[in-house]
N, C-alpha and C. Protein backbone atom coordinates (compact mmCIF):
# COMPACT_ATOMS: atom_id res chain seq x y z
N UNK A 1 -0.67 35.50 -7.08
CA UNK A 1 -0.73 35.84 -5.60
C UNK A 1 -0.69 34.47 -4.86
N UNK A 2 0.04 34.47 -3.84
CA UNK A 2 0.03 33.34 -2.90
C UNK A 2 -1.22 33.23 -1.98
N UNK A 3 -1.42 32.17 -1.54
CA UNK A 3 -2.62 32.03 -0.55
C UNK A 3 -2.57 33.06 0.56
N UNK A 4 -1.43 33.22 1.13
CA UNK A 4 -1.26 34.21 2.19
C UNK A 4 -1.52 35.58 1.78
N UNK A 5 -0.98 36.03 0.61
CA UNK A 5 -1.31 37.27 0.05
C UNK A 5 -2.77 37.51 -0.23
N UNK A 6 -3.48 36.53 -0.69
CA UNK A 6 -4.94 36.58 -0.94
C UNK A 6 -5.58 36.82 0.35
N UNK A 7 -5.29 36.07 1.38
CA UNK A 7 -5.93 36.17 2.66
C UNK A 7 -5.81 37.54 3.29
N UNK A 8 -4.48 37.97 3.21
CA UNK A 8 -4.23 39.32 3.79
C UNK A 8 -4.96 40.38 2.97
N UNK A 9 -5.04 40.35 1.64
CA UNK A 9 -5.72 41.29 0.89
C UNK A 9 -7.25 41.30 1.12
N UNK A 10 -7.80 40.05 1.25
CA UNK A 10 -9.19 40.09 1.49
C UNK A 10 -9.59 40.55 2.88
N UNK A 11 -8.71 40.29 3.86
CA UNK A 11 -8.91 40.72 5.28
C UNK A 11 -8.78 42.35 5.31
N UNK A 12 -7.82 42.85 4.53
CA UNK A 12 -7.72 44.33 4.43
C UNK A 12 -9.00 44.80 3.82
N UNK A 13 -9.53 44.24 2.85
CA UNK A 13 -10.77 44.70 2.17
C UNK A 13 -11.93 44.67 3.13
N UNK A 14 -11.99 43.58 3.85
CA UNK A 14 -13.05 43.39 4.80
C UNK A 14 -13.08 44.41 5.88
N UNK A 15 -11.85 44.73 6.38
CA UNK A 15 -11.70 45.82 7.38
C UNK A 15 -12.12 47.12 6.86
N UNK A 16 -11.78 47.50 5.67
CA UNK A 16 -12.14 48.76 5.05
C UNK A 16 -13.72 48.82 4.91
N UNK A 17 -14.23 47.65 4.46
CA UNK A 17 -15.69 47.59 4.18
C UNK A 17 -16.48 47.75 5.57
N UNK A 18 -15.94 47.42 6.66
CA UNK A 18 -16.53 47.44 7.96
C UNK A 18 -16.35 48.82 8.55
N UNK A 19 -15.67 49.69 7.98
CA UNK A 19 -15.46 51.13 8.39
C UNK A 19 -14.17 51.36 9.12
N UNK A 20 -13.24 50.46 9.03
CA UNK A 20 -11.86 50.80 9.56
C UNK A 20 -11.22 51.84 8.80
N UNK A 21 -10.26 52.62 9.42
CA UNK A 21 -9.60 53.68 8.78
C UNK A 21 -8.54 53.28 7.72
N UNK A 22 -8.72 52.17 7.11
CA UNK A 22 -7.85 51.71 6.11
C UNK A 22 -8.08 52.37 4.72
N UNK A 23 -7.16 52.53 3.87
CA UNK A 23 -7.43 53.14 2.64
C UNK A 23 -8.21 52.15 1.81
N UNK A 24 -9.12 52.78 0.83
CA UNK A 24 -9.96 51.98 -0.03
C UNK A 24 -9.11 51.07 -0.96
N UNK A 25 -9.32 49.78 -0.98
CA UNK A 25 -8.64 48.90 -1.97
C UNK A 25 -9.17 49.16 -3.47
N UNK A 26 -8.23 48.90 -4.24
CA UNK A 26 -8.61 49.04 -5.65
C UNK A 26 -9.55 47.89 -6.11
N UNK A 27 -10.84 48.26 -6.62
CA UNK A 27 -11.82 47.29 -6.91
C UNK A 27 -11.41 46.16 -7.92
N UNK A 28 -10.47 46.60 -8.80
CA UNK A 28 -10.00 45.51 -9.71
C UNK A 28 -9.11 44.54 -8.89
N UNK A 29 -8.30 44.97 -8.05
CA UNK A 29 -7.44 44.05 -7.26
C UNK A 29 -8.37 43.21 -6.36
N UNK A 30 -9.43 43.84 -5.85
CA UNK A 30 -10.37 43.00 -4.96
C UNK A 30 -10.90 41.84 -5.79
N UNK A 31 -11.37 42.09 -7.06
CA UNK A 31 -11.94 41.15 -7.90
C UNK A 31 -10.92 40.07 -8.16
N UNK A 32 -9.66 40.45 -8.55
CA UNK A 32 -8.66 39.41 -8.68
C UNK A 32 -8.35 38.53 -7.46
N UNK A 33 -8.35 39.21 -6.36
CA UNK A 33 -8.22 38.45 -5.03
C UNK A 33 -9.37 37.49 -4.78
N UNK A 34 -10.55 37.81 -5.12
CA UNK A 34 -11.66 37.03 -4.97
C UNK A 34 -11.63 35.86 -6.08
N UNK A 35 -11.20 36.16 -7.16
CA UNK A 35 -11.14 35.05 -8.23
C UNK A 35 -10.00 34.10 -7.74
N UNK A 36 -8.85 34.62 -7.29
CA UNK A 36 -7.75 33.75 -6.90
C UNK A 36 -8.32 32.98 -5.69
N UNK A 37 -9.07 33.49 -4.70
CA UNK A 37 -9.50 32.63 -3.60
C UNK A 37 -10.51 31.58 -3.97
N UNK A 38 -11.39 31.89 -5.01
CA UNK A 38 -12.25 30.95 -5.57
C UNK A 38 -11.49 29.85 -6.22
N UNK A 39 -10.52 30.18 -7.05
CA UNK A 39 -9.66 29.11 -7.66
C UNK A 39 -8.95 28.27 -6.66
N UNK A 40 -8.44 28.81 -5.64
CA UNK A 40 -7.78 28.12 -4.53
C UNK A 40 -8.71 27.13 -3.78
N UNK A 41 -9.97 27.51 -3.72
CA UNK A 41 -10.95 26.59 -2.99
C UNK A 41 -11.40 25.54 -4.04
N UNK A 42 -11.53 25.85 -5.30
CA UNK A 42 -11.99 24.86 -6.23
C UNK A 42 -10.98 23.84 -6.64
N UNK A 43 -9.67 24.18 -6.46
CA UNK A 43 -8.70 23.27 -6.94
C UNK A 43 -8.73 21.99 -6.17
N UNK A 44 -8.79 21.94 -4.88
CA UNK A 44 -8.91 20.54 -4.24
C UNK A 44 -10.09 19.78 -4.70
N UNK A 45 -11.20 20.49 -4.94
CA UNK A 45 -12.48 19.76 -5.46
C UNK A 45 -12.19 19.09 -6.72
N UNK A 46 -11.56 19.81 -7.71
CA UNK A 46 -11.19 19.32 -9.08
C UNK A 46 -10.12 18.08 -8.78
N UNK A 47 -9.19 18.33 -8.05
CA UNK A 47 -8.19 17.14 -7.77
C UNK A 47 -8.84 15.94 -7.17
N UNK A 48 -9.79 16.23 -6.29
CA UNK A 48 -10.51 15.09 -5.62
C UNK A 48 -11.28 14.27 -6.64
N UNK A 49 -12.05 15.03 -7.53
CA UNK A 49 -12.88 14.34 -8.54
C UNK A 49 -12.04 13.56 -9.52
N UNK A 50 -10.89 14.17 -9.86
CA UNK A 50 -10.00 13.48 -10.72
C UNK A 50 -9.45 12.13 -10.04
N UNK A 51 -9.17 12.28 -8.87
CA UNK A 51 -8.66 11.06 -8.05
C UNK A 51 -9.67 10.00 -8.01
N UNK A 52 -10.98 10.49 -7.75
CA UNK A 52 -12.03 9.50 -7.71
C UNK A 52 -12.23 8.75 -9.03
N UNK A 53 -12.05 9.46 -10.08
CA UNK A 53 -12.18 8.83 -11.41
C UNK A 53 -11.09 7.93 -11.67
N UNK A 54 -9.78 8.34 -11.36
CA UNK A 54 -8.77 7.44 -11.57
C UNK A 54 -8.74 6.20 -10.73
N UNK A 55 -9.25 6.36 -9.55
CA UNK A 55 -9.39 5.18 -8.60
C UNK A 55 -10.43 4.29 -9.15
N UNK A 56 -11.57 4.70 -9.75
CA UNK A 56 -12.60 3.98 -10.27
C UNK A 56 -12.05 3.14 -11.59
N UNK A 57 -11.32 3.91 -12.45
CA UNK A 57 -10.77 3.20 -13.53
C UNK A 57 -9.65 2.18 -13.17
N UNK A 58 -8.86 2.43 -12.12
CA UNK A 58 -7.92 1.55 -11.65
C UNK A 58 -8.53 0.33 -11.18
N UNK A 59 -9.69 0.38 -10.35
CA UNK A 59 -10.35 -0.75 -9.76
C UNK A 59 -10.98 -1.58 -10.89
N UNK A 60 -11.54 -0.89 -11.93
CA UNK A 60 -12.09 -1.65 -13.07
C UNK A 60 -10.98 -2.42 -13.74
N UNK A 61 -9.80 -1.80 -13.86
CA UNK A 61 -8.74 -2.45 -14.64
C UNK A 61 -8.23 -3.73 -13.79
N UNK A 62 -8.20 -3.51 -12.44
CA UNK A 62 -7.82 -4.65 -11.63
C UNK A 62 -8.70 -5.75 -11.70
N UNK A 63 -10.11 -5.49 -11.74
CA UNK A 63 -11.15 -6.51 -11.83
C UNK A 63 -10.97 -7.32 -13.13
N UNK A 64 -10.75 -6.48 -14.31
CA UNK A 64 -10.61 -7.09 -15.59
C UNK A 64 -9.37 -8.04 -15.61
N UNK A 65 -8.33 -7.48 -15.01
CA UNK A 65 -7.05 -8.24 -15.01
C UNK A 65 -7.18 -9.56 -14.21
N UNK A 66 -7.89 -9.38 -13.14
CA UNK A 66 -8.16 -10.68 -12.22
C UNK A 66 -8.90 -11.71 -13.08
N UNK A 67 -9.97 -11.14 -13.78
CA UNK A 67 -10.77 -12.10 -14.56
C UNK A 67 -9.97 -12.81 -15.61
N UNK A 68 -9.13 -11.90 -16.36
CA UNK A 68 -8.29 -12.48 -17.38
C UNK A 68 -7.32 -13.59 -16.83
N UNK A 69 -6.66 -13.22 -15.63
CA UNK A 69 -5.78 -14.19 -14.96
C UNK A 69 -6.52 -15.45 -14.69
N UNK A 70 -7.73 -15.29 -14.14
CA UNK A 70 -8.43 -16.49 -13.80
C UNK A 70 -8.75 -17.40 -15.01
N UNK A 71 -9.12 -16.69 -16.19
CA UNK A 71 -9.43 -17.39 -17.33
C UNK A 71 -8.10 -18.04 -17.89
N UNK A 72 -7.00 -17.28 -17.90
CA UNK A 72 -5.75 -17.84 -18.34
C UNK A 72 -5.38 -19.03 -17.53
N UNK A 73 -5.56 -18.96 -16.30
CA UNK A 73 -5.19 -20.05 -15.42
C UNK A 73 -6.13 -21.31 -15.66
N UNK A 74 -7.39 -21.10 -15.90
CA UNK A 74 -8.34 -22.16 -16.22
C UNK A 74 -8.02 -22.76 -17.58
N UNK A 75 -7.64 -21.87 -18.50
CA UNK A 75 -7.39 -22.46 -19.85
C UNK A 75 -5.96 -22.89 -19.95
N UNK A 76 -5.11 -22.45 -19.14
CA UNK A 76 -3.68 -22.75 -19.23
C UNK A 76 -3.40 -24.13 -19.29
N UNK A 77 -4.05 -24.99 -18.37
CA UNK A 77 -3.77 -26.35 -18.20
C UNK A 77 -4.37 -27.09 -19.50
N UNK A 78 -5.60 -26.65 -19.95
CA UNK A 78 -6.10 -27.36 -21.21
C UNK A 78 -5.29 -27.06 -22.39
N UNK A 79 -4.86 -25.77 -22.56
CA UNK A 79 -4.10 -25.41 -23.74
C UNK A 79 -2.75 -26.24 -23.79
N UNK A 80 -2.08 -26.31 -22.66
CA UNK A 80 -0.77 -27.01 -22.71
C UNK A 80 -0.97 -28.53 -22.79
N UNK A 81 -2.24 -29.01 -22.42
CA UNK A 81 -2.45 -30.43 -22.54
C UNK A 81 -2.60 -30.66 -24.04
N UNK A 82 -3.16 -29.84 -24.83
CA UNK A 82 -3.34 -30.09 -26.20
C UNK A 82 -2.22 -29.62 -27.07
N UNK A 83 -1.49 -28.65 -26.45
CA UNK A 83 -0.23 -28.20 -27.21
C UNK A 83 0.84 -28.28 -26.31
N UNK A 84 1.38 -29.39 -25.91
CA UNK A 84 2.50 -29.54 -24.97
C UNK A 84 3.78 -28.90 -25.53
N UNK A 85 3.91 -28.79 -26.81
CA UNK A 85 5.11 -28.26 -27.35
C UNK A 85 5.11 -26.75 -27.31
N UNK A 86 4.08 -26.13 -26.82
CA UNK A 86 3.93 -24.65 -26.88
C UNK A 86 5.06 -23.92 -26.16
N UNK A 87 5.49 -24.55 -25.12
CA UNK A 87 6.60 -23.95 -24.38
C UNK A 87 7.89 -24.00 -25.14
N UNK A 88 8.03 -24.96 -25.99
CA UNK A 88 9.32 -25.26 -26.58
C UNK A 88 9.59 -24.56 -28.03
N UNK A 89 8.55 -24.14 -28.71
CA UNK A 89 8.89 -23.37 -29.92
C UNK A 89 7.90 -22.32 -30.19
N UNK A 90 8.19 -21.48 -31.23
CA UNK A 90 7.50 -20.29 -31.57
C UNK A 90 6.16 -20.62 -32.18
N UNK A 91 6.04 -21.77 -33.05
CA UNK A 91 4.87 -22.03 -33.75
C UNK A 91 3.86 -22.54 -32.63
N UNK A 92 4.38 -23.37 -31.73
CA UNK A 92 3.50 -23.93 -30.73
C UNK A 92 2.88 -22.75 -29.86
N UNK A 93 3.75 -21.85 -29.53
CA UNK A 93 3.26 -20.72 -28.68
C UNK A 93 2.19 -19.97 -29.41
N UNK A 94 2.38 -19.72 -30.67
CA UNK A 94 1.38 -18.94 -31.40
C UNK A 94 0.07 -19.70 -31.48
N UNK A 95 0.18 -20.99 -31.66
CA UNK A 95 -0.98 -21.87 -31.84
C UNK A 95 -1.78 -21.89 -30.40
N UNK A 96 -1.07 -21.85 -29.36
CA UNK A 96 -1.63 -21.88 -28.00
C UNK A 96 -2.27 -20.53 -27.73
N UNK A 97 -1.59 -19.50 -28.12
CA UNK A 97 -2.14 -18.11 -27.86
C UNK A 97 -3.38 -17.86 -28.75
N UNK A 98 -3.42 -18.44 -29.96
CA UNK A 98 -4.57 -18.28 -30.77
C UNK A 98 -5.81 -19.10 -30.11
N UNK A 99 -5.61 -20.20 -29.56
CA UNK A 99 -6.56 -20.89 -28.98
C UNK A 99 -7.02 -20.18 -27.63
N UNK A 100 -6.17 -19.68 -26.96
CA UNK A 100 -6.49 -18.96 -25.75
C UNK A 100 -7.28 -17.70 -26.00
N UNK A 101 -6.94 -16.92 -27.24
CA UNK A 101 -7.76 -15.81 -27.54
C UNK A 101 -9.04 -16.16 -28.00
N UNK A 102 -9.23 -17.24 -28.72
CA UNK A 102 -10.48 -17.71 -29.22
C UNK A 102 -11.42 -18.02 -27.99
N UNK A 103 -10.85 -18.70 -27.10
CA UNK A 103 -11.68 -19.06 -25.85
C UNK A 103 -11.97 -17.92 -25.03
N UNK A 104 -11.12 -16.90 -25.00
CA UNK A 104 -11.38 -15.69 -24.24
C UNK A 104 -12.52 -14.88 -24.88
N UNK A 105 -12.64 -14.93 -26.26
CA UNK A 105 -13.68 -14.06 -26.88
C UNK A 105 -15.06 -14.63 -26.76
N UNK A 106 -15.08 -15.84 -26.38
CA UNK A 106 -16.51 -16.59 -26.26
C UNK A 106 -17.21 -16.07 -25.06
């Protein structure tokens, strides 16, 4: 059922319940319409909570990345001072990365 159909069906049911000369709606269909209305109202709440969780995770990841970048910048000068050839060859880069990881784990 679309949202518009749910609204129309529940309005029809409410009119019948208040004594209007409308035919009695099928109780099973009324239950389905109520369930669909509840689902439609709960959906934005679930989406909102998921968005909040994702936003929190994104913010934590950004903070961690900023801390790692600051550490890399701080260590970058000292690593390349001790391993000036790190830019030029594979062995030097591995040695520099190992030193960076060791410093990062401390």
